[in-house]
N, C-alpha and C. Protein backbone atom coordinates (compact mmCIF):
# COMPACT_ATOMS: atom_id res chain seq x y z
N MET A 1 -40.06 41.44 -33.21
CA MET A 1 -39.18 42.29 -32.53
C MET A 1 -37.97 41.71 -31.69
N ARG A 2 -37.49 42.82 -31.64
CA ARG A 2 -35.75 42.49 -31.14
C ARG A 2 -35.61 43.31 -30.00
N GLU A 3 -34.84 42.36 -29.09
CA GLU A 3 -34.47 43.35 -27.76
C GLU A 3 -33.91 44.42 -27.85
N SER A 4 -33.28 44.72 -29.12
CA SER A 4 -32.61 46.06 -29.41
C SER A 4 -33.26 47.23 -28.83
N THR A 5 -34.74 46.67 -29.64
CA THR A 5 -36.24 48.03 -29.72
C THR A 5 -36.73 48.08 -28.10
N PHE A 6 -36.31 46.95 -27.47
CA PHE A 6 -36.54 47.17 -25.89
C PHE A 6 -35.95 48.16 -25.31
N VAL A 7 -34.65 47.78 -25.20
CA VAL A 7 -33.77 48.65 -24.84
C VAL A 7 -33.89 50.10 -25.29
N THR A 8 -33.61 50.57 -26.18
CA THR A 8 -34.05 51.60 -26.55
C THR A 8 -35.38 52.45 -26.30
N GLU A 9 -35.90 51.39 -26.14
CA GLU A 9 -37.62 51.88 -25.20
C GLU A 9 -37.71 52.30 -23.82
N LEU A 10 -36.87 51.16 -23.10
CA LEU A 10 -36.16 51.20 -21.77
C LEU A 10 -35.51 52.37 -21.36
N ARG A 11 -34.09 53.18 -22.19
CA ARG A 11 -33.86 54.08 -21.96
C ARG A 11 -34.19 55.45 -22.49
N ASN A 12 -35.43 55.35 -23.23
CA ASN A 12 -35.62 56.54 -23.51
C ASN A 12 -36.90 56.93 -22.36
N GLY A 13 -37.63 55.96 -21.29
CA GLY A 13 -38.34 55.89 -20.08
C GLY A 13 -37.34 56.14 -19.01
N LEU A 14 -36.02 55.85 -19.28
CA LEU A 14 -34.53 56.06 -17.90
C LEU A 14 -34.92 57.77 -18.43
N ASP A 15 -34.26 57.77 -19.61
CA ASP A 15 -34.20 59.34 -19.73
C ASP A 15 -35.38 60.00 -19.47
N ALA A 16 -36.69 60.10 -19.49
CA ALA A 16 -37.76 60.74 -19.24
C ALA A 16 -38.07 61.32 -18.19
N LEU A 17 -37.57 60.57 -17.15
CA LEU A 17 -37.18 60.52 -15.84
C LEU A 17 -36.56 62.21 -15.32
N GLY A 18 -35.84 63.26 -16.05
CA GLY A 18 -35.50 64.35 -16.13
C GLY A 18 -33.78 64.29 -15.89
N LEU A 19 -33.51 65.49 -15.51
CA LEU A 19 -32.06 66.02 -14.91
C LEU A 19 -31.08 65.27 -13.88
N ALA A 20 -32.50 64.78 -13.29
CA ALA A 20 -31.12 63.34 -12.20
C ALA A 20 -31.04 62.35 -12.86
N SER A 21 -31.39 62.00 -13.62
CA SER A 21 -31.24 60.58 -14.37
C SER A 21 -30.14 60.61 -16.08
N TRP A 22 -29.23 59.69 -16.13
CA TRP A 22 -28.03 59.40 -17.55
C TRP A 22 -28.39 57.88 -17.18
N SER A 23 -28.38 57.24 -18.77
CA SER A 23 -28.23 56.47 -19.28
C SER A 23 -27.41 56.23 -19.95
N TYR A 24 -26.51 55.11 -19.78
CA TYR A 24 -25.48 54.50 -21.92
C TYR A 24 -25.74 53.51 -22.43
N LYS A 25 -26.27 52.91 -22.86
CA LYS A 25 -26.25 51.87 -24.05
C LYS A 25 -24.90 51.13 -24.34
N ILE A 26 -24.84 50.54 -24.37
CA ILE A 26 -23.42 49.57 -24.20
C ILE A 26 -23.50 48.99 -25.80
N PRO A 27 -22.54 49.48 -26.98
CA PRO A 27 -22.74 48.96 -28.20
C PRO A 27 -22.81 47.84 -28.70
N ASP A 28 -23.18 46.93 -28.66
CA ASP A 28 -22.84 45.74 -29.33
C ASP A 28 -22.25 45.37 -29.96
N ALA A 29 -20.98 44.88 -31.05
CA ALA A 29 -20.21 44.45 -31.83
C ALA A 29 -21.06 44.34 -33.85
N PRO A 30 -20.91 45.08 -34.54
CA PRO A 30 -21.40 44.89 -35.17
C PRO A 30 -21.32 43.04 -35.56
N TYR A 31 -22.64 43.16 -36.38
CA TYR A 31 -22.81 41.52 -36.08
C TYR A 31 -21.95 41.01 -37.83
N SER A 32 -21.67 41.91 -38.56
CA SER A 32 -21.35 41.75 -40.03
C SER A 32 -19.71 41.57 -39.53
N GLN A 33 -19.31 41.94 -38.58
CA GLN A 33 -18.40 42.48 -38.82
C GLN A 33 -17.55 41.28 -37.61
N ILE A 34 -18.45 40.37 -36.75
CA ILE A 34 -17.63 39.53 -35.82
C ILE A 34 -16.54 38.83 -36.66
N ALA A 35 -17.07 37.85 -37.30
CA ALA A 35 -16.49 36.80 -37.47
C ALA A 35 -14.81 37.30 -38.29
N THR A 36 -14.74 39.06 -38.88
CA THR A 36 -13.10 39.24 -38.83
C THR A 36 -12.72 39.90 -38.00
N MET A 37 -13.12 39.94 -36.58
CA MET A 37 -12.72 40.81 -36.10
C MET A 37 -11.48 39.60 -34.68
N ARG A 38 -10.98 40.55 -34.89
CA ARG A 38 -9.74 39.37 -33.66
C ARG A 38 -10.07 39.46 -32.14
N PHE A 39 -10.52 40.10 -31.75
CA PHE A 39 -11.07 40.82 -30.37
C PHE A 39 -11.92 41.20 -30.15
N ILE A 40 -13.17 40.85 -29.39
CA ILE A 40 -14.34 41.37 -29.14
C ILE A 40 -14.11 41.68 -27.61
N PRO A 41 -14.49 42.89 -27.56
CA PRO A 41 -14.47 42.82 -26.15
C PRO A 41 -15.82 42.49 -25.16
N GLU A 42 -15.61 42.05 -23.95
CA GLU A 42 -16.27 41.81 -23.54
C GLU A 42 -17.77 42.41 -22.81
N LYS A 43 -18.95 42.64 -23.02
CA LYS A 43 -19.73 43.59 -22.83
C LYS A 43 -20.52 43.62 -21.79
N PRO A 44 -20.40 43.87 -20.70
CA PRO A 44 -20.89 43.49 -18.90
C PRO A 44 -22.08 43.75 -19.02
N ALA A 45 -23.34 44.06 -19.87
CA ALA A 45 -24.60 44.54 -20.16
C ALA A 45 -25.37 45.38 -20.60
N ASP A 46 -26.48 45.55 -21.14
CA ASP A 46 -27.12 46.23 -21.96
C ASP A 46 -26.96 47.66 -21.50
N LEU A 47 -27.34 47.95 -20.02
CA LEU A 47 -27.37 49.69 -20.23
C LEU A 47 -26.58 50.06 -18.67
N VAL A 48 -25.99 51.23 -18.91
CA VAL A 48 -25.29 51.75 -17.50
C VAL A 48 -26.39 53.39 -16.85
N CYS A 49 -26.50 53.19 -15.80
CA CYS A 49 -27.47 54.07 -15.67
C CYS A 49 -27.21 55.37 -14.11
N MET A 50 -27.21 55.98 -14.07
CA MET A 50 -27.22 56.80 -12.76
C MET A 50 -28.56 57.48 -12.66
N LEU A 51 -28.83 57.26 -11.96
CA LEU A 51 -30.04 57.83 -10.93
C LEU A 51 -29.98 58.38 -9.58
N ARG A 52 -30.14 59.79 -9.30
CA ARG A 52 -29.84 60.09 -8.59
C ARG A 52 -29.00 60.04 -7.24
N GLY A 53 -27.60 59.69 -8.35
CA GLY A 53 -26.79 59.38 -7.93
C GLY A 53 -26.12 58.08 -7.39
N GLU A 54 -27.11 57.02 -7.48
CA GLU A 54 -27.20 55.48 -7.09
C GLU A 54 -27.00 54.87 -9.27
N GLY A 55 -25.89 54.29 -8.66
CA GLY A 55 -25.12 53.40 -10.10
C GLY A 55 -26.35 51.85 -10.22
N ILE A 56 -26.77 52.14 -11.57
CA ILE A 56 -27.52 51.02 -12.05
C ILE A 56 -26.84 50.10 -13.15
N LEU A 57 -27.11 48.69 -13.70
CA LEU A 57 -26.66 48.00 -14.56
C LEU A 57 -27.77 47.15 -14.86
N ILE A 58 -27.91 47.06 -16.10
CA ILE A 58 -29.75 46.98 -16.73
C ILE A 58 -29.09 46.26 -17.89
N GLU A 59 -29.06 44.55 -17.47
CA GLU A 59 -29.41 43.53 -18.49
C GLU A 59 -30.56 43.38 -19.06
N CYS A 60 -31.46 43.70 -20.22
CA CYS A 60 -32.39 43.15 -20.69
C CYS A 60 -32.66 41.77 -21.02
N LYS A 61 -33.59 41.43 -21.40
CA LYS A 61 -34.41 39.81 -21.71
C LYS A 61 -35.15 40.00 -22.63
N GLN A 62 -35.52 39.00 -23.34
CA GLN A 62 -37.01 39.23 -23.66
C GLN A 62 -37.78 37.43 -24.55
N ILE A 63 -38.67 37.44 -23.76
CA ILE A 63 -39.56 36.64 -24.62
C ILE A 63 -40.93 36.61 -25.12
N LYS A 64 -40.50 35.76 -25.85
CA LYS A 64 -41.99 35.76 -26.71
C LYS A 64 -42.86 34.95 -26.50
N LYS A 65 -42.75 34.39 -25.26
CA LYS A 65 -44.07 33.41 -25.04
C LYS A 65 -43.74 33.02 -23.83
N TRP A 66 -44.92 32.61 -22.66
CA TRP A 66 -44.59 32.38 -21.04
C TRP A 66 -43.84 31.02 -21.21
N GLN A 67 -42.09 30.92 -20.55
CA GLN A 67 -41.25 29.95 -20.79
C GLN A 67 -41.01 30.22 -19.62
N ALA A 68 -39.74 29.07 -18.96
CA ALA A 68 -39.36 29.31 -18.08
C ALA A 68 -38.00 30.17 -18.20
N PHE A 69 -37.43 30.84 -17.34
CA PHE A 69 -36.80 32.30 -16.81
C PHE A 69 -36.04 31.85 -16.04
N GLY A 70 -34.81 32.62 -16.66
CA GLY A 70 -34.09 32.26 -14.84
C GLY A 70 -32.64 32.83 -15.28
N VAL A 71 -31.52 33.22 -14.31
CA VAL A 71 -30.30 33.13 -14.88
C VAL A 71 -29.70 32.45 -15.60
N LYS A 72 -29.73 31.86 -15.77
CA LYS A 72 -29.48 30.68 -16.96
C LYS A 72 -29.59 31.06 -18.27
N GLU A 73 -30.70 32.01 -18.40
CA GLU A 73 -30.16 32.65 -19.83
C GLU A 73 -29.10 34.37 -20.11
N LEU A 74 -28.36 34.25 -18.94
CA LEU A 74 -27.16 35.14 -18.78
C LEU A 74 -26.08 34.94 -19.11
N THR A 75 -25.37 35.18 -20.07
CA THR A 75 -24.20 34.83 -19.97
C THR A 75 -23.04 34.73 -18.49
N LYS A 76 -22.17 34.05 -18.91
CA LYS A 76 -21.25 34.13 -17.66
C LYS A 76 -20.71 35.68 -17.40
N SER A 77 -20.33 35.96 -18.53
CA SER A 77 -19.41 37.54 -19.03
C SER A 77 -20.84 38.49 -17.40
N GLN A 78 -22.30 38.50 -18.40
CA GLN A 78 -22.81 39.06 -17.93
C GLN A 78 -23.31 39.09 -15.94
N MET A 79 -23.26 37.10 -15.84
CA MET A 79 -23.64 37.31 -14.54
C MET A 79 -22.24 37.82 -14.17
N ARG A 80 -21.05 37.34 -14.35
CA ARG A 80 -19.89 38.44 -13.12
C ARG A 80 -20.14 39.76 -13.38
N ASN A 81 -20.31 39.92 -14.43
CA ASN A 81 -19.99 41.84 -14.08
C ASN A 81 -21.47 42.26 -13.25
N LEU A 82 -22.88 41.84 -13.68
CA LEU A 82 -24.11 42.00 -12.78
C LEU A 82 -23.81 41.98 -11.28
N TYR A 83 -23.10 40.89 -10.73
CA TYR A 83 -22.48 40.50 -9.49
C TYR A 83 -21.22 41.46 -9.20
N LEU A 84 -20.41 41.70 -10.08
CA LEU A 84 -19.67 42.51 -9.36
C LEU A 84 -20.17 44.03 -9.00
N PHE A 85 -20.61 44.48 -9.85
CA PHE A 85 -20.92 46.04 -10.31
C PHE A 85 -22.00 46.15 -8.32
N SER A 86 -23.09 44.80 -7.80
CA SER A 86 -23.71 44.53 -7.20
C SER A 86 -22.80 45.07 -5.57
N ARG A 87 -21.76 44.02 -6.18
CA ARG A 87 -20.84 43.93 -5.00
C ARG A 87 -20.18 45.01 -4.35
N ALA A 88 -19.57 45.66 -5.31
CA ALA A 88 -18.88 46.91 -5.74
C ALA A 88 -20.23 48.24 -5.15
N GLY A 89 -21.00 47.83 -5.12
CA GLY A 89 -22.13 48.93 -4.16
C GLY A 89 -23.86 49.53 -5.10
N GLY A 90 -23.56 49.30 -6.16
CA GLY A 90 -24.50 49.58 -7.28
C GLY A 90 -25.31 48.44 -7.28
N THR A 91 -26.28 48.92 -8.26
CA THR A 91 -27.82 48.26 -8.28
C THR A 91 -27.63 47.52 -9.06
N SER A 92 -27.94 45.86 -9.50
CA SER A 92 -27.48 45.45 -10.88
C SER A 92 -29.17 44.86 -11.14
N LEU A 93 -29.92 44.82 -12.27
CA LEU A 93 -31.22 44.34 -12.66
C LEU A 93 -31.19 43.73 -13.97
N VAL A 94 -31.99 42.50 -14.11
CA VAL A 94 -32.42 42.06 -15.48
C VAL A 94 -33.57 42.46 -15.50
N ALA A 95 -34.26 43.27 -16.79
CA ALA A 95 -35.10 44.20 -17.10
C ALA A 95 -35.84 42.16 -17.76
N LEU A 96 -36.57 42.09 -18.10
CA LEU A 96 -37.77 40.84 -18.48
C LEU A 96 -38.68 41.54 -19.14
N ASN A 97 -38.69 41.63 -20.78
CA ASN A 97 -39.54 41.94 -21.74
C ASN A 97 -40.35 40.96 -22.19
N VAL A 98 -41.49 40.96 -22.46
CA VAL A 98 -42.39 39.66 -22.69
C VAL A 98 -43.06 40.24 -23.74
N ARG A 99 -43.13 40.00 -24.95
CA ARG A 99 -43.54 40.56 -26.30
C ARG A 99 -44.62 38.99 -27.16
N ILE A 100 -45.37 38.71 -26.63
CA ILE A 100 -46.50 37.75 -27.39
C ILE A 100 -47.17 38.70 -28.02
N PRO A 101 -47.03 38.03 -29.42
CA PRO A 101 -47.58 38.40 -30.39
C PRO A 101 -49.56 38.63 -30.59
N GLY A 102 -49.81 39.36 -30.62
CA GLY A 102 -50.91 39.92 -30.19
C GLY A 102 -51.85 40.10 -28.97
N GLU A 103 -50.51 40.35 -27.68
CA GLU A 103 -50.79 41.09 -26.46
C GLU A 103 -50.26 42.24 -26.39
N THR A 104 -50.55 42.75 -25.28
CA THR A 104 -50.16 44.03 -25.10
C THR A 104 -48.51 43.96 -23.85
N PRO A 105 -47.51 44.28 -24.43
CA PRO A 105 -46.07 44.28 -24.25
C PRO A 105 -46.28 44.70 -22.77
N LEU A 106 -45.25 43.91 -22.04
CA LEU A 106 -44.87 43.68 -20.59
C LEU A 106 -43.75 43.92 -20.11
N PHE A 107 -43.12 44.13 -18.99
CA PHE A 107 -41.87 44.81 -18.61
C PHE A 107 -41.49 44.40 -17.02
N THR A 108 -40.48 43.48 -16.22
CA THR A 108 -40.33 43.43 -15.07
C THR A 108 -38.95 43.65 -14.99
N PHE A 109 -38.37 43.79 -13.62
CA PHE A 109 -37.54 43.99 -13.37
C PHE A 109 -36.84 42.76 -12.15
N PHE A 110 -35.98 42.09 -12.35
CA PHE A 110 -35.81 41.87 -11.52
C PHE A 110 -33.42 42.07 -10.83
N GLU A 111 -33.75 41.83 -9.30
CA GLU A 111 -32.62 42.34 -8.83
C GLU A 111 -31.94 41.08 -9.04
N PHE A 112 -30.49 41.42 -9.38
CA PHE A 112 -29.87 40.16 -10.36
C PHE A 112 -29.45 39.14 -8.53
N ASN A 113 -28.72 39.54 -7.99
CA ASN A 113 -29.13 38.80 -6.71
C ASN A 113 -30.15 37.63 -6.29
N ALA A 114 -31.30 38.58 -6.61
CA ALA A 114 -32.33 37.51 -6.23
C ALA A 114 -32.72 36.80 -7.27
N LEU A 115 -32.40 37.40 -7.94
CA LEU A 115 -32.97 35.99 -9.63
C LEU A 115 -31.79 35.13 -9.55
N ALA A 116 -30.29 35.23 -9.07
CA ALA A 116 -29.44 34.00 -9.20
C ALA A 116 -29.80 33.46 -7.55
N GLU A 117 -30.36 34.21 -7.07
CA GLU A 117 -31.00 32.64 -5.69
C GLU A 117 -32.19 32.07 -5.98
N LYS A 118 -32.97 31.87 -6.92
CA LYS A 118 -33.95 31.56 -7.11
C LYS A 118 -33.82 30.82 -8.41
N ILE A 119 -32.44 31.03 -9.33
CA ILE A 119 -32.11 30.21 -10.33
C ILE A 119 -32.86 30.16 -11.81
N ARG A 120 -34.68 29.63 -11.28
CA ARG A 120 -35.09 30.05 -12.73
C ARG A 120 -36.87 29.62 -12.32
N PHE A 121 -37.46 30.79 -12.74
CA PHE A 121 -39.04 30.82 -12.48
C PHE A 121 -39.78 29.63 -13.97
N THR A 122 -40.71 28.98 -13.79
CA THR A 122 -41.61 28.07 -14.53
C THR A 122 -42.04 29.57 -15.45
N GLY A 123 -42.50 28.94 -16.46
CA GLY A 123 -43.69 30.00 -17.15
C GLY A 123 -44.76 29.92 -16.68
N ALA A 124 -45.56 29.64 -15.71
CA ALA A 124 -46.20 29.97 -14.77
C ALA A 124 -46.38 30.63 -13.46
N GLU A 125 -44.73 30.20 -12.63
CA GLU A 125 -44.65 31.53 -12.32
C GLU A 125 -44.41 33.13 -12.44
N LEU A 126 -43.62 32.69 -13.38
CA LEU A 126 -43.52 34.10 -14.48
C LEU A 126 -44.75 34.90 -14.23
N LYS A 127 -46.14 34.32 -14.72
CA LYS A 127 -47.69 35.10 -14.63
C LYS A 127 -47.43 35.69 -13.44
N THR A 128 -46.77 34.73 -12.13
CA THR A 128 -47.62 35.67 -11.23
C THR A 128 -46.87 36.87 -10.63
N LEU A 129 -45.54 37.01 -11.02
CA LEU A 129 -45.12 38.30 -10.50
C LEU A 129 -45.63 39.26 -11.56
N ARG A 130 -44.87 40.46 -10.47
CA ARG A 130 -45.81 42.29 -11.13
C ARG A 130 -45.07 42.08 -12.68
N PHE A 131 -45.82 42.80 -13.25
CA PHE A 131 -45.66 42.62 -14.67
C PHE A 131 -46.21 44.58 -15.16
N GLN A 132 -45.48 45.26 -15.73
CA GLN A 132 -45.86 46.77 -15.63
C GLN A 132 -46.42 46.53 -17.29
N LYS A 133 -47.74 47.22 -18.12
CA LYS A 133 -48.17 47.04 -19.25
C LYS A 133 -48.02 48.33 -19.53
N TYR A 134 -47.40 48.73 -21.18
CA TYR A 134 -47.33 49.92 -21.81
C TYR A 134 -47.20 49.55 -22.81
N GLN A 135 -47.64 50.96 -23.94
CA GLN A 135 -47.58 50.73 -25.48
C GLN A 135 -46.24 50.98 -26.12
N LYS A 136 -46.05 50.69 -27.29
CA LYS A 136 -44.65 49.83 -27.84
C LYS A 136 -44.35 51.26 -27.78
N GLY A 137 -42.89 51.65 -27.74
CA GLY A 137 -41.99 52.63 -27.32
C GLY A 137 -42.51 53.60 -26.87
N LYS A 138 -43.57 53.53 -25.25
CA LYS A 138 -43.57 54.42 -24.60
C LYS A 138 -43.27 54.09 -23.09
N ILE A 139 -42.20 53.44 -22.74
CA ILE A 139 -42.06 53.10 -21.01
C ILE A 139 -42.30 54.34 -20.17
N LYS A 140 -43.11 54.02 -19.34
CA LYS A 140 -42.97 55.23 -18.53
C LYS A 140 -42.60 54.89 -17.50
N LEU A 141 -41.04 55.19 -16.89
CA LEU A 141 -40.91 54.71 -15.00
C LEU A 141 -41.20 55.39 -14.19
N HIS A 142 -41.25 55.68 -12.84
CA HIS A 142 -41.23 56.43 -11.67
C HIS A 142 -39.94 56.59 -10.65
N GLU A 143 -39.46 57.39 -10.28
CA GLU A 143 -37.81 57.55 -9.81
C GLU A 143 -37.73 56.77 -8.77
N GLU A 144 -37.93 55.80 -8.39
CA GLU A 144 -37.86 54.47 -7.79
C GLU A 144 -38.54 52.66 -8.30
N PHE A 145 -37.99 53.35 -9.59
CA PHE A 145 -38.70 52.09 -10.61
C PHE A 145 -38.12 50.90 -9.56
N TYR A 146 -37.09 51.18 -9.49
CA TYR A 146 -35.70 50.09 -8.97
C TYR A 146 -35.92 49.73 -7.71
N LYS A 147 -36.61 50.30 -6.71
CA LYS A 147 -37.06 49.53 -6.23
C LYS A 147 -38.30 48.85 -5.33
N ASP A 148 -38.84 49.13 -6.65
CA ASP A 148 -40.43 48.13 -6.89
C ASP A 148 -40.36 47.55 -7.81
N ILE A 149 -39.27 46.73 -7.36
CA ILE A 149 -39.39 45.22 -8.62
C ILE A 149 -39.14 44.11 -7.62
N ASN A 150 -38.61 42.70 -8.77
CA ASN A 150 -38.97 41.44 -7.97
C ASN A 150 -38.38 40.80 -7.16
N PHE A 151 -38.01 41.06 -6.11
CA PHE A 151 -37.03 40.71 -4.92
C PHE A 151 -37.80 39.01 -5.04
N VAL A 152 -37.33 38.32 -5.08
CA VAL A 152 -37.19 36.59 -4.92
C VAL A 152 -38.00 36.17 -3.56
N SER A 153 -37.92 37.02 -2.38
CA SER A 153 -37.63 36.72 -1.33
C SER A 153 -38.63 36.99 -0.95
N LEU A 154 -39.71 38.07 -1.98
CA LEU A 154 -41.35 38.75 -1.95
C LEU A 154 -42.15 37.57 -2.17
N HIS A 155 -41.70 36.65 -2.90
CA HIS A 155 -42.82 35.78 -3.52
C HIS A 155 -42.55 34.38 -3.22
N PHE A 156 -41.24 34.11 -2.61
CA PHE A 156 -41.35 32.49 -2.64
C PHE A 156 -40.20 31.95 -1.41
């Protein structure tokens, strides 16, 4: 399972919220052309969204087993852009998709600044957080999904 599949599923879930939402997948540089490109623009995150007038920037990550996870899985560029977006008044999220073979897919959101404060979760700590189950291809979000996320201060 590729991370791009989760990004598409998440975007479809955002778009299903209706007229009050909009999302855009920021394209990746074509992998086959990277070696020949002289300049590859910095990609700030995977998705930029508007939900009822609030700007949301989302970086998506995927793990295939219960393992440590934290800000070190983000590039310096992603960390900088998520930080700057939140400093400018937007909501910066990291969406974590857990795709363990043979198990129901799970996902959760972390508010970027709270994730940066925690630095790293062990695999055992991750299992204690709130995750949502979903069927492949069918993520259902409620309108205030971004307010019901894993803020580190609530758990540690």
